[in-house]
């Protein structure tokens, strides 16, 4: 397990130094604030893995989502998959559900072009930058039953706790994105 340094304070709303933040982070906070969506946040060293997020999970009282940016072999269809952090991911479990064979991780260039996100910072909040509707959102049904989701504000030095209902009923409609519920097995069980 790789622990990271985490500011133990839980903040409510956007940071005071908003003007000094990276553009993608600043735009995330401005978007949430414009919609009047409440959120808690913590700040920390770069969190590159789900394992590194354990302290963050405890502080926010939520499990951070695993967010994967995927594409088909032809690089003509792009997907943002949100799933529970502890669940393993196997492309075969997803491919048949979305009728897209040969899924792989999408290139960093597409991640930046469509979501304004760099590797390690993939987040559903990146959809605010996907004005061309290039990315299809997939959400594991297990997350849909959780009252809150944990995600990055488009940078991996901060984490947010947002109500799942706000994501589904306010954030996604505002970005113009729908979601597709998928069911990924937890192959670690039994």
N, C-alpha and C. Protein backbone atom coordinates (compact mmCIF):
# COMPACT_ATOMS: atom_id res chain seq x y z
N UNK A 1 0.84 -1.18 0.00
CA UNK A 1 0.00 0.00 0.00
C UNK A 1 0.88 1.24 0.00
N UNK A 2 0.56 2.21 -0.84
CA UNK A 2 1.34 3.43 -0.93
C UNK A 2 0.54 4.58 -0.34
N UNK A 3 0.90 4.96 0.87
CA UNK A 3 0.21 6.06 1.54
C UNK A 3 0.72 7.38 0.99
N UNK A 4 -0.14 8.37 0.96
CA UNK A 4 0.23 9.71 0.53
C UNK A 4 -0.08 10.68 1.66
N UNK A 5 0.54 11.85 1.61
CA UNK A 5 0.25 12.88 2.61
C UNK A 5 -1.07 13.54 2.26
N UNK A 6 -1.94 13.62 3.27
CA UNK A 6 -3.28 14.17 3.09
C UNK A 6 -3.51 15.24 4.14
N UNK A 7 -3.99 16.41 3.70
CA UNK A 7 -4.41 17.45 4.64
C UNK A 7 -5.63 16.88 5.37
N UNK A 8 -5.60 16.77 6.70
CA UNK A 8 -6.70 16.12 7.42
C UNK A 8 -7.99 16.95 7.51
N UNK A 9 -7.96 18.18 7.01
CA UNK A 9 -9.16 19.01 7.06
C UNK A 9 -10.09 18.68 5.90
N UNK A 10 -11.37 18.65 6.19
CA UNK A 10 -12.39 18.49 5.16
C UNK A 10 -12.99 19.87 4.91
N UNK A 11 -12.91 20.31 3.67
CA UNK A 11 -13.42 21.62 3.29
C UNK A 11 -14.79 21.48 2.63
N UNK A 12 -15.58 22.52 2.73
CA UNK A 12 -16.90 22.55 2.10
C UNK A 12 -16.87 23.65 1.04
N UNK A 13 -17.08 23.28 -0.20
CA UNK A 13 -17.07 24.25 -1.27
C UNK A 13 -15.69 24.50 -1.83
N UNK A 14 -15.62 25.50 -2.70
CA UNK A 14 -14.38 25.75 -3.45
C UNK A 14 -13.29 26.37 -2.59
N UNK A 15 -12.05 26.21 -3.02
CA UNK A 15 -10.92 26.75 -2.26
C UNK A 15 -10.85 28.28 -2.36
N UNK A 16 -10.25 28.91 -1.36
CA UNK A 16 -10.09 30.36 -1.34
C UNK A 16 -9.13 30.84 -2.43
N UNK A 17 -8.16 30.00 -2.79
CA UNK A 17 -7.15 30.39 -3.78
C UNK A 17 -7.52 29.91 -5.19
N UNK A 18 -8.78 29.98 -5.51
CA UNK A 18 -9.29 29.45 -6.78
C UNK A 18 -8.56 30.02 -8.00
N UNK A 19 -8.25 31.29 -7.98
CA UNK A 19 -7.60 31.92 -9.13
C UNK A 19 -6.21 31.34 -9.39
N UNK A 20 -5.59 30.76 -8.38
CA UNK A 20 -4.24 30.22 -8.52
C UNK A 20 -4.23 28.74 -8.90
N UNK A 21 -5.38 28.11 -9.01
CA UNK A 21 -5.47 26.69 -9.34
C UNK A 21 -5.32 26.47 -10.84
N UNK A 22 -4.99 25.24 -11.22
CA UNK A 22 -4.92 24.89 -12.63
C UNK A 22 -6.30 25.07 -13.26
N UNK A 23 -6.31 25.42 -14.54
CA UNK A 23 -7.56 25.76 -15.22
C UNK A 23 -8.62 24.68 -15.09
N UNK A 24 -8.26 23.41 -15.30
CA UNK A 24 -9.26 22.35 -15.26
C UNK A 24 -9.85 22.18 -13.87
N UNK A 25 -9.05 22.38 -12.82
CA UNK A 25 -9.55 22.32 -11.45
C UNK A 25 -10.45 23.53 -11.16
N UNK A 26 -9.99 24.68 -11.54
CA UNK A 26 -10.77 25.92 -11.32
C UNK A 26 -12.13 25.82 -12.02
N UNK A 27 -12.13 25.36 -13.26
CA UNK A 27 -13.38 25.23 -14.02
C UNK A 27 -14.34 24.22 -13.37
N UNK A 28 -13.79 23.17 -12.77
CA UNK A 28 -14.62 22.19 -12.07
C UNK A 28 -15.35 22.85 -10.89
N UNK A 29 -14.61 23.59 -10.07
CA UNK A 29 -15.22 24.24 -8.92
C UNK A 29 -16.24 25.31 -9.35
N UNK A 30 -15.90 26.08 -10.37
CA UNK A 30 -16.83 27.10 -10.85
C UNK A 30 -18.11 26.47 -11.39
N UNK A 31 -17.99 25.35 -12.08
CA UNK A 31 -19.14 24.63 -12.61
C UNK A 31 -20.05 24.17 -11.46
N UNK A 32 -19.47 23.51 -10.46
CA UNK A 32 -20.26 23.01 -9.32
C UNK A 32 -20.92 24.16 -8.56
N UNK A 33 -20.16 25.23 -8.37
CA UNK A 33 -20.69 26.38 -7.62
C UNK A 33 -21.82 27.06 -8.41
N UNK A 34 -21.67 27.17 -9.73
CA UNK A 34 -22.71 27.80 -10.56
C UNK A 34 -24.02 27.03 -10.46
N UNK A 35 -23.92 25.69 -10.36
CA UNK A 35 -25.13 24.86 -10.24
C UNK A 35 -25.65 24.79 -8.81
N UNK A 36 -24.88 25.32 -7.86
CA UNK A 36 -25.29 25.28 -6.46
C UNK A 36 -25.21 23.88 -5.87
N UNK A 37 -24.28 23.08 -6.36
CA UNK A 37 -24.13 21.70 -5.89
C UNK A 37 -23.19 21.68 -4.69
N UNK A 38 -23.66 21.18 -3.55
CA UNK A 38 -22.79 21.09 -2.38
C UNK A 38 -21.79 19.94 -2.53
N UNK A 39 -20.59 20.14 -2.00
CA UNK A 39 -19.58 19.09 -2.04
C UNK A 39 -18.57 19.33 -0.93
N UNK A 40 -18.01 18.25 -0.47
CA UNK A 40 -16.89 18.29 0.47
C UNK A 40 -15.64 17.95 -0.32
N UNK A 41 -14.49 18.42 0.17
CA UNK A 41 -13.25 18.14 -0.53
C UNK A 41 -12.09 18.03 0.44
N UNK A 42 -11.09 17.30 0.02
CA UNK A 42 -9.82 17.23 0.74
C UNK A 42 -8.70 17.45 -0.27
N UNK A 43 -7.57 17.90 0.25
CA UNK A 43 -6.39 18.13 -0.58
C UNK A 43 -5.30 17.19 -0.12
N UNK A 44 -4.45 16.79 -1.09
CA UNK A 44 -3.46 15.77 -0.79
C UNK A 44 -2.38 15.75 -1.87
N UNK A 45 -1.35 14.97 -1.61
CA UNK A 45 -0.33 14.73 -2.63
C UNK A 45 -0.99 13.98 -3.78
N UNK A 46 -0.34 13.96 -4.94
CA UNK A 46 -0.94 13.23 -6.07
C UNK A 46 -1.32 11.80 -5.70
N UNK A 47 -2.58 11.47 -5.95
CA UNK A 47 -3.10 10.12 -5.68
C UNK A 47 -3.19 9.41 -7.02
N UNK A 48 -2.28 8.48 -7.25
CA UNK A 48 -2.20 7.81 -8.55
C UNK A 48 -2.90 6.45 -8.56
N UNK A 49 -3.24 5.94 -7.38
CA UNK A 49 -3.88 4.62 -7.31
C UNK A 49 -5.03 4.65 -6.32
N UNK A 50 -5.92 3.68 -6.45
CA UNK A 50 -7.02 3.54 -5.50
C UNK A 50 -6.48 3.25 -4.11
N UNK A 51 -5.41 2.47 -4.02
CA UNK A 51 -4.82 2.14 -2.72
C UNK A 51 -4.35 3.39 -1.99
N UNK A 52 -3.84 4.35 -2.76
CA UNK A 52 -3.35 5.59 -2.15
C UNK A 52 -4.49 6.44 -1.60
N UNK A 53 -5.70 6.14 -1.97
CA UNK A 53 -6.87 6.94 -1.58
C UNK A 53 -7.51 6.50 -0.26
N UNK A 54 -6.96 5.53 0.42
CA UNK A 54 -7.61 5.01 1.63
C UNK A 54 -7.81 6.06 2.72
N UNK A 55 -6.82 6.92 2.95
CA UNK A 55 -6.97 7.98 3.94
C UNK A 55 -8.03 8.98 3.49
N UNK A 56 -8.04 9.28 2.20
CA UNK A 56 -9.03 10.19 1.63
C UNK A 56 -10.43 9.62 1.84
N UNK A 57 -10.59 8.34 1.56
CA UNK A 57 -11.88 7.66 1.75
C UNK A 57 -12.38 7.84 3.17
N UNK A 58 -11.48 7.64 4.15
CA UNK A 58 -11.88 7.74 5.55
C UNK A 58 -12.30 9.18 5.90
N UNK A 59 -11.53 10.16 5.44
CA UNK A 59 -11.84 11.55 5.76
C UNK A 59 -13.18 12.00 5.16
N UNK A 60 -13.42 11.61 3.90
CA UNK A 60 -14.65 12.03 3.22
C UNK A 60 -15.83 11.12 3.52
N UNK A 61 -15.56 9.92 4.05
CA UNK A 61 -16.65 8.98 4.31
C UNK A 61 -17.25 8.43 3.03
N UNK A 62 -16.42 8.22 2.02
CA UNK A 62 -16.86 7.72 0.72
C UNK A 62 -15.69 6.96 0.09
N UNK A 63 -16.01 6.00 -0.75
CA UNK A 63 -14.96 5.29 -1.48
C UNK A 63 -14.75 5.98 -2.82
N UNK A 64 -13.50 6.28 -3.11
CA UNK A 64 -13.19 6.91 -4.40
C UNK A 64 -13.50 5.91 -5.51
N UNK A 65 -14.05 6.41 -6.59
CA UNK A 65 -14.35 5.58 -7.76
C UNK A 65 -13.07 5.31 -8.53
N UNK A 66 -13.05 4.15 -9.18
CA UNK A 66 -12.03 3.88 -10.17
C UNK A 66 -12.61 4.42 -11.48
N UNK A 67 -11.85 5.26 -12.16
CA UNK A 67 -12.30 5.86 -13.41
C UNK A 67 -11.32 5.47 -14.50
N UNK A 68 -11.83 4.82 -15.53
CA UNK A 68 -10.98 4.35 -16.62
C UNK A 68 -11.42 5.00 -17.92
N UNK A 69 -10.46 5.48 -18.69
CA UNK A 69 -10.74 6.08 -19.99
C UNK A 69 -10.35 5.07 -21.06
N UNK A 70 -11.35 4.57 -21.77
CA UNK A 70 -11.18 3.45 -22.69
C UNK A 70 -11.58 3.85 -24.11
N UNK A 71 -11.15 3.02 -25.05
CA UNK A 71 -11.56 3.22 -26.44
C UNK A 71 -11.61 1.88 -27.17
N UNK A 72 -12.26 1.89 -28.33
CA UNK A 72 -12.26 0.69 -29.15
C UNK A 72 -10.94 0.63 -29.95
N UNK A 73 -10.71 -0.46 -30.64
CA UNK A 73 -9.44 -0.64 -31.35
C UNK A 73 -9.22 0.44 -32.40
N UNK A 74 -10.29 0.85 -33.06
CA UNK A 74 -10.18 1.84 -34.13
C UNK A 74 -10.01 3.28 -33.60
N UNK A 75 -10.14 3.44 -32.30
CA UNK A 75 -10.08 4.76 -31.67
C UNK A 75 -11.16 5.70 -32.23
N UNK A 76 -12.34 5.13 -32.41
CA UNK A 76 -13.49 5.92 -32.89
C UNK A 76 -14.58 6.03 -31.84
N UNK A 77 -14.50 5.23 -30.79
CA UNK A 77 -15.48 5.27 -29.70
C UNK A 77 -14.71 5.34 -28.38
N UNK A 78 -15.09 6.31 -27.54
CA UNK A 78 -14.39 6.53 -26.27
C UNK A 78 -15.37 6.40 -25.12
N UNK A 79 -14.88 5.84 -24.02
CA UNK A 79 -15.73 5.53 -22.86
C UNK A 79 -15.04 5.98 -21.58
N UNK A 80 -15.82 6.53 -20.68
CA UNK A 80 -15.36 6.80 -19.32
C UNK A 80 -16.13 5.84 -18.43
N UNK A 81 -15.42 4.92 -17.82
CA UNK A 81 -16.03 3.91 -16.95
C UNK A 81 -15.80 4.28 -15.50
N UNK A 82 -16.90 4.42 -14.76
CA UNK A 82 -16.84 4.62 -13.31
C UNK A 82 -17.21 3.30 -12.65
N UNK A 83 -16.37 2.85 -11.73
CA UNK A 83 -16.63 1.58 -11.05
C UNK A 83 -16.07 1.63 -9.64
N UNK A 84 -16.53 0.74 -8.75
CA UNK A 84 -15.98 0.71 -7.41
C UNK A 84 -14.47 0.47 -7.46
N UNK A 85 -13.76 1.17 -6.60
CA UNK A 85 -12.30 1.10 -6.61
C UNK A 85 -11.72 -0.27 -6.35
N UNK A 86 -12.39 -1.07 -5.56
CA UNK A 86 -11.84 -2.38 -5.20
C UNK A 86 -12.18 -3.47 -6.22
N UNK A 87 -13.06 -3.18 -7.16
CA UNK A 87 -13.44 -4.18 -8.15
C UNK A 87 -12.36 -4.32 -9.22
N UNK A 88 -12.04 -5.54 -9.61
CA UNK A 88 -11.08 -5.70 -10.72
C UNK A 88 -11.78 -5.40 -12.05
N UNK A 89 -10.99 -4.99 -13.02
CA UNK A 89 -11.55 -4.69 -14.34
C UNK A 89 -10.98 -5.65 -15.37
N UNK A 90 -11.88 -6.26 -16.14
CA UNK A 90 -11.52 -7.12 -17.25
C UNK A 90 -12.33 -6.68 -18.45
N UNK A 91 -11.67 -6.38 -19.56
CA UNK A 91 -12.38 -5.85 -20.72
C UNK A 91 -13.50 -6.77 -21.20
N UNK A 92 -13.31 -8.06 -21.07
CA UNK A 92 -14.33 -9.01 -21.55
C UNK A 92 -15.65 -8.84 -20.80
N UNK A 93 -15.59 -8.41 -19.53
CA UNK A 93 -16.81 -8.22 -18.75
C UNK A 93 -17.62 -7.02 -19.24
N UNK A 94 -16.97 -6.10 -19.91
CA UNK A 94 -17.63 -4.89 -20.37
C UNK A 94 -17.97 -4.91 -21.85
N UNK A 95 -17.11 -5.48 -22.65
CA UNK A 95 -17.24 -5.42 -24.11
C UNK A 95 -18.61 -5.84 -24.62
N UNK A 96 -19.11 -6.97 -24.15
CA UNK A 96 -20.39 -7.46 -24.66
C UNK A 96 -21.55 -6.57 -24.22
N UNK A 97 -21.44 -5.92 -23.07
CA UNK A 97 -22.53 -5.07 -22.57
C UNK A 97 -22.69 -3.79 -23.39
N UNK A 98 -21.59 -3.34 -23.99
CA UNK A 98 -21.66 -2.09 -24.76
C UNK A 98 -21.44 -2.33 -26.26
N UNK A 99 -21.43 -3.60 -26.66
CA UNK A 99 -21.23 -3.98 -28.06
C UNK A 99 -20.00 -3.31 -28.66
N UNK A 100 -18.88 -3.43 -27.94
CA UNK A 100 -17.62 -2.87 -28.43
C UNK A 100 -16.50 -3.84 -28.10
N UNK A 101 -16.08 -4.58 -29.09
CA UNK A 101 -14.99 -5.54 -28.88
C UNK A 101 -13.65 -4.81 -28.84
N UNK A 102 -12.69 -5.47 -28.30
CA UNK A 102 -11.30 -5.01 -28.29
C UNK A 102 -11.12 -3.65 -27.61
N UNK A 103 -11.63 -3.53 -26.41
CA UNK A 103 -11.44 -2.31 -25.64
C UNK A 103 -10.01 -2.25 -25.12
N UNK A 104 -9.50 -1.03 -25.03
CA UNK A 104 -8.18 -0.82 -24.43
C UNK A 104 -8.18 0.56 -23.79
N UNK A 105 -7.10 0.86 -23.09
CA UNK A 105 -6.98 2.19 -22.50
C UNK A 105 -6.68 3.19 -23.60
N UNK A 106 -7.38 4.31 -23.58
CA UNK A 106 -7.20 5.34 -24.62
C UNK A 106 -5.91 6.11 -24.38
N UNK A 107 -5.38 6.64 -25.45
CA UNK A 107 -4.14 7.41 -25.39
C UNK A 107 -4.33 8.69 -24.57
N UNK A 108 -3.24 9.12 -23.97
CA UNK A 108 -3.22 10.34 -23.17
C UNK A 108 -3.67 11.56 -23.98
N UNK A 109 -3.33 11.59 -25.26
CA UNK A 109 -3.69 12.74 -26.10
C UNK A 109 -5.21 12.89 -26.19
N UNK A 110 -5.94 11.78 -26.35
CA UNK A 110 -7.40 11.84 -26.39
C UNK A 110 -7.96 12.24 -25.03
N UNK A 111 -7.34 11.76 -23.97
CA UNK A 111 -7.79 12.10 -22.62
C UNK A 111 -7.75 13.62 -22.43
N UNK A 112 -6.67 14.22 -22.89
CA UNK A 112 -6.55 15.67 -22.74
C UNK A 112 -7.51 16.38 -23.70
N UNK A 113 -7.56 15.94 -24.96
CA UNK A 113 -8.38 16.60 -25.95
C UNK A 113 -9.86 16.62 -25.56
N UNK A 114 -10.37 15.51 -25.08
CA UNK A 114 -11.80 15.40 -24.79
C UNK A 114 -12.18 15.78 -23.37
N UNK A 115 -11.33 15.45 -22.38
CA UNK A 115 -11.71 15.64 -20.98
C UNK A 115 -10.85 16.66 -20.22
N UNK A 116 -9.79 17.16 -20.85
CA UNK A 116 -8.84 18.08 -20.18
C UNK A 116 -8.31 17.47 -18.89
N UNK A 117 -7.97 16.19 -18.97
CA UNK A 117 -7.47 15.45 -17.82
C UNK A 117 -6.19 14.73 -18.21
N UNK A 118 -5.30 14.62 -17.24
CA UNK A 118 -4.04 13.89 -17.44
C UNK A 118 -4.13 12.54 -16.73
N UNK A 119 -3.30 11.58 -17.12
CA UNK A 119 -3.32 10.26 -16.45
C UNK A 119 -3.20 10.42 -14.93
N UNK A 120 -3.97 9.60 -14.22
CA UNK A 120 -3.98 9.66 -12.77
C UNK A 120 -5.04 10.59 -12.22
N UNK A 121 -5.65 11.40 -13.09
CA UNK A 121 -6.66 12.37 -12.66
C UNK A 121 -8.02 12.13 -13.31
N UNK A 122 -8.21 11.00 -13.95
CA UNK A 122 -9.45 10.73 -14.67
C UNK A 122 -10.63 10.85 -13.71
N UNK A 123 -11.65 11.58 -14.17
CA UNK A 123 -12.80 11.88 -13.31
C UNK A 123 -14.02 12.16 -14.16
N UNK A 124 -15.17 11.83 -13.63
CA UNK A 124 -16.43 12.15 -14.28
C UNK A 124 -16.56 13.66 -14.49
N UNK A 125 -15.88 14.45 -13.69
CA UNK A 125 -15.96 15.90 -13.83
C UNK A 125 -15.34 16.37 -15.14
N UNK A 126 -14.51 15.57 -15.77
CA UNK A 126 -13.93 15.92 -17.06
C UNK A 126 -14.97 16.06 -18.16
N UNK A 127 -16.16 15.50 -17.94
CA UNK A 127 -17.22 15.60 -18.95
C UNK A 127 -17.66 17.05 -19.17
N UNK A 128 -17.37 17.94 -18.24
CA UNK A 128 -17.72 19.34 -18.46
C UNK A 128 -16.94 19.92 -19.63
N UNK A 129 -15.83 19.31 -20.00
CA UNK A 129 -15.01 19.78 -21.12
C UNK A 129 -15.35 19.07 -22.43
N UNK A 130 -16.14 18.02 -22.39
CA UNK A 130 -16.47 17.22 -23.57
C UNK A 130 -17.69 17.81 -24.28
N UNK A 131 -17.53 18.99 -24.79
CA UNK A 131 -18.65 19.67 -25.44
C UNK A 131 -19.03 19.03 -26.77
N UNK A 132 -18.10 18.30 -27.37
CA UNK A 132 -18.37 17.60 -28.62
C UNK A 132 -19.01 16.23 -28.44
N UNK A 133 -19.25 15.87 -27.19
CA UNK A 133 -19.92 14.60 -26.86
C UNK A 133 -19.18 13.40 -27.45
N UNK A 134 -17.86 13.38 -27.29
CA UNK A 134 -17.04 12.29 -27.81
C UNK A 134 -17.00 11.09 -26.88
N UNK A 135 -17.31 11.30 -25.59
CA UNK A 135 -17.11 10.27 -24.57
C UNK A 135 -18.46 9.78 -24.06
N UNK A 136 -18.61 8.46 -24.01
CA UNK A 136 -19.82 7.82 -23.48
C UNK A 136 -19.54 7.41 -22.03
N UNK A 137 -20.39 7.82 -21.13
CA UNK A 137 -20.22 7.50 -19.71
C UNK A 137 -20.86 6.16 -19.38
N UNK A 138 -20.08 5.31 -18.72
CA UNK A 138 -20.54 4.00 -18.24
C UNK A 138 -20.38 4.00 -16.73
N UNK A 139 -21.43 3.59 -16.02
CA UNK A 139 -21.36 3.56 -14.55
C UNK A 139 -21.74 2.16 -14.08
N UNK A 140 -20.88 1.54 -13.30
CA UNK A 140 -21.19 0.25 -12.71
C UNK A 140 -22.41 0.43 -11.80
N UNK A 141 -23.39 -0.45 -11.96
CA UNK A 141 -24.65 -0.32 -11.21
C UNK A 141 -24.45 -0.31 -9.70
N UNK A 142 -23.38 -0.89 -9.22
CA UNK A 142 -23.11 -0.88 -7.78
C UNK A 142 -22.94 0.56 -7.27
N UNK A 143 -22.35 1.42 -8.07
CA UNK A 143 -22.16 2.82 -7.66
C UNK A 143 -23.48 3.58 -7.62
N UNK A 144 -24.41 3.18 -8.46
CA UNK A 144 -25.68 3.90 -8.53
C UNK A 144 -26.50 3.77 -7.25
N UNK A 145 -26.22 2.76 -6.45
CA UNK A 145 -26.95 2.59 -5.19
C UNK A 145 -26.27 3.29 -4.02
N UNK A 146 -25.06 3.81 -4.24
CA UNK A 146 -24.37 4.56 -3.19
C UNK A 146 -24.91 5.98 -3.12
N UNK A 147 -25.09 6.53 -1.92
CA UNK A 147 -25.61 7.90 -1.83
C UNK A 147 -24.61 8.96 -2.31
N UNK A 148 -23.31 8.65 -2.26
CA UNK A 148 -22.27 9.61 -2.64
C UNK A 148 -21.26 8.94 -3.56
N UNK A 149 -20.61 9.77 -4.38
CA UNK A 149 -19.47 9.30 -5.15
C UNK A 149 -18.25 10.12 -4.75
N UNK A 150 -17.10 9.53 -4.89
CA UNK A 150 -15.84 10.22 -4.66
C UNK A 150 -15.11 10.33 -5.99
N UNK A 151 -14.63 11.53 -6.32
CA UNK A 151 -13.93 11.73 -7.57
C UNK A 151 -12.93 12.88 -7.42
N UNK A 152 -12.05 13.01 -8.40
CA UNK A 152 -11.11 14.13 -8.43
C UNK A 152 -11.74 15.34 -9.12
N UNK A 153 -11.31 16.54 -8.77
CA UNK A 153 -11.78 17.74 -9.48
C UNK A 153 -10.91 18.00 -10.73
N UNK A 154 -10.67 16.95 -11.51
CA UNK A 154 -9.87 16.98 -12.74
C UNK A 154 -8.37 17.12 -12.49
N UNK A 155 -7.95 17.07 -11.24
CA UNK A 155 -6.54 16.96 -10.87
C UNK A 155 -6.47 15.96 -9.72
N UNK A 156 -5.34 15.26 -9.61
CA UNK A 156 -5.26 14.22 -8.59
C UNK A 156 -4.63 14.69 -7.28
N UNK A 157 -4.65 15.99 -7.04
CA UNK A 157 -4.19 16.54 -5.76
C UNK A 157 -5.37 17.01 -4.90
N UNK A 158 -6.56 16.61 -5.31
CA UNK A 158 -7.76 16.92 -4.55
C UNK A 158 -8.79 15.84 -4.81
N UNK A 159 -9.71 15.68 -3.87
CA UNK A 159 -10.79 14.71 -4.02
C UNK A 159 -12.09 15.33 -3.52
N UNK A 160 -13.19 14.95 -4.18
CA UNK A 160 -14.50 15.49 -3.88
C UNK A 160 -15.46 14.40 -3.43
N UNK A 161 -16.41 14.78 -2.62
CA UNK A 161 -17.53 13.93 -2.24
C UNK A 161 -18.79 14.65 -2.72
N UNK A 162 -19.49 14.00 -3.66
CA UNK A 162 -20.67 14.59 -4.28
C UNK A 162 -21.83 13.61 -4.16
N UNK A 163 -23.02 14.10 -3.95
CA UNK A 163 -24.18 13.21 -3.91
C UNK A 163 -24.38 12.58 -5.28
N UNK A 164 -24.61 11.28 -5.30
CA UNK A 164 -24.84 10.56 -6.55
C UNK A 164 -26.04 11.16 -7.28
N UNK A 165 -27.07 11.52 -6.54
CA UNK A 165 -28.25 12.13 -7.15
C UNK A 165 -27.91 13.43 -7.87
N UNK A 166 -27.00 14.24 -7.29
CA UNK A 166 -26.59 15.48 -7.96
C UNK A 166 -25.83 15.17 -9.24
N UNK A 167 -25.01 14.13 -9.22
CA UNK A 167 -24.31 13.73 -10.44
C UNK A 167 -25.31 13.36 -11.53
N UNK A 168 -26.24 12.49 -11.20
CA UNK A 168 -27.17 11.96 -12.20
C UNK A 168 -28.21 12.97 -12.66
N UNK A 169 -28.73 13.79 -11.74
CA UNK A 169 -29.86 14.65 -12.06
C UNK A 169 -29.49 16.10 -12.37
N UNK A 170 -28.26 16.49 -12.03
CA UNK A 170 -27.90 17.89 -12.25
C UNK A 170 -26.63 18.05 -13.07
N UNK A 171 -25.57 17.36 -12.69
CA UNK A 171 -24.28 17.52 -13.39
C UNK A 171 -24.35 16.96 -14.80
N UNK A 172 -24.76 15.70 -14.94
CA UNK A 172 -24.79 15.10 -16.27
C UNK A 172 -25.74 15.83 -17.22
N UNK A 173 -26.97 16.17 -16.81
CA UNK A 173 -27.83 16.93 -17.72
C UNK A 173 -27.20 18.25 -18.16
N UNK A 174 -26.49 18.89 -17.25
CA UNK A 174 -25.86 20.17 -17.59
C UNK A 174 -24.75 19.99 -18.62
N UNK A 175 -24.04 18.87 -18.58
CA UNK A 175 -22.99 18.60 -19.58
C UNK A 175 -23.57 18.04 -20.87
N UNK A 176 -24.83 17.57 -20.82
CA UNK A 176 -25.45 16.97 -21.99
C UNK A 176 -25.19 15.48 -22.13
N UNK A 177 -24.54 14.89 -21.14
CA UNK A 177 -24.22 13.47 -21.19
C UNK A 177 -25.27 12.64 -20.46
N UNK A 178 -25.58 11.50 -21.04
CA UNK A 178 -26.38 10.48 -20.37
C UNK A 178 -25.38 9.45 -19.84
N UNK A 179 -25.88 8.43 -19.18
CA UNK A 179 -25.00 7.35 -18.75
C UNK A 179 -25.65 6.03 -19.09
N UNK A 180 -24.79 5.03 -19.19
CA UNK A 180 -25.24 3.66 -19.39
C UNK A 180 -24.83 2.87 -18.16
N UNK A 181 -25.78 2.22 -17.52
CA UNK A 181 -25.46 1.37 -16.37
C UNK A 181 -24.91 0.04 -16.88
N UNK A 182 -23.81 -0.40 -16.29
CA UNK A 182 -23.22 -1.69 -16.64
C UNK A 182 -23.06 -2.50 -15.36
N UNK A 183 -22.91 -3.79 -15.51
CA UNK A 183 -22.77 -4.68 -14.36
C UNK A 183 -21.46 -5.43 -14.49
N UNK A 184 -20.50 -5.05 -13.66
CA UNK A 184 -19.20 -5.70 -13.67
C UNK A 184 -19.09 -6.63 -12.47
N UNK A 185 -18.69 -7.88 -12.71
CA UNK A 185 -18.62 -8.83 -11.60
C UNK A 185 -17.44 -8.53 -10.68
N UNK A 186 -17.61 -8.89 -9.44
CA UNK A 186 -16.52 -8.79 -8.48
C UNK A 186 -15.88 -10.18 -8.42
N UNK A 187 -14.95 -10.42 -9.31
CA UNK A 187 -14.35 -11.76 -9.45
C UNK A 187 -13.44 -12.12 -8.29
N UNK A 188 -13.23 -11.22 -7.36
CA UNK A 188 -12.44 -11.55 -6.18
C UNK A 188 -13.25 -12.37 -5.18
N UNK A 189 -14.59 -12.28 -5.32
CA UNK A 189 -15.44 -13.03 -4.38
C UNK A 189 -15.53 -14.50 -4.79
N UNK A 190 -15.70 -15.35 -3.79
CA UNK A 190 -15.98 -16.77 -3.93
C UNK A 190 -15.35 -17.38 -5.07
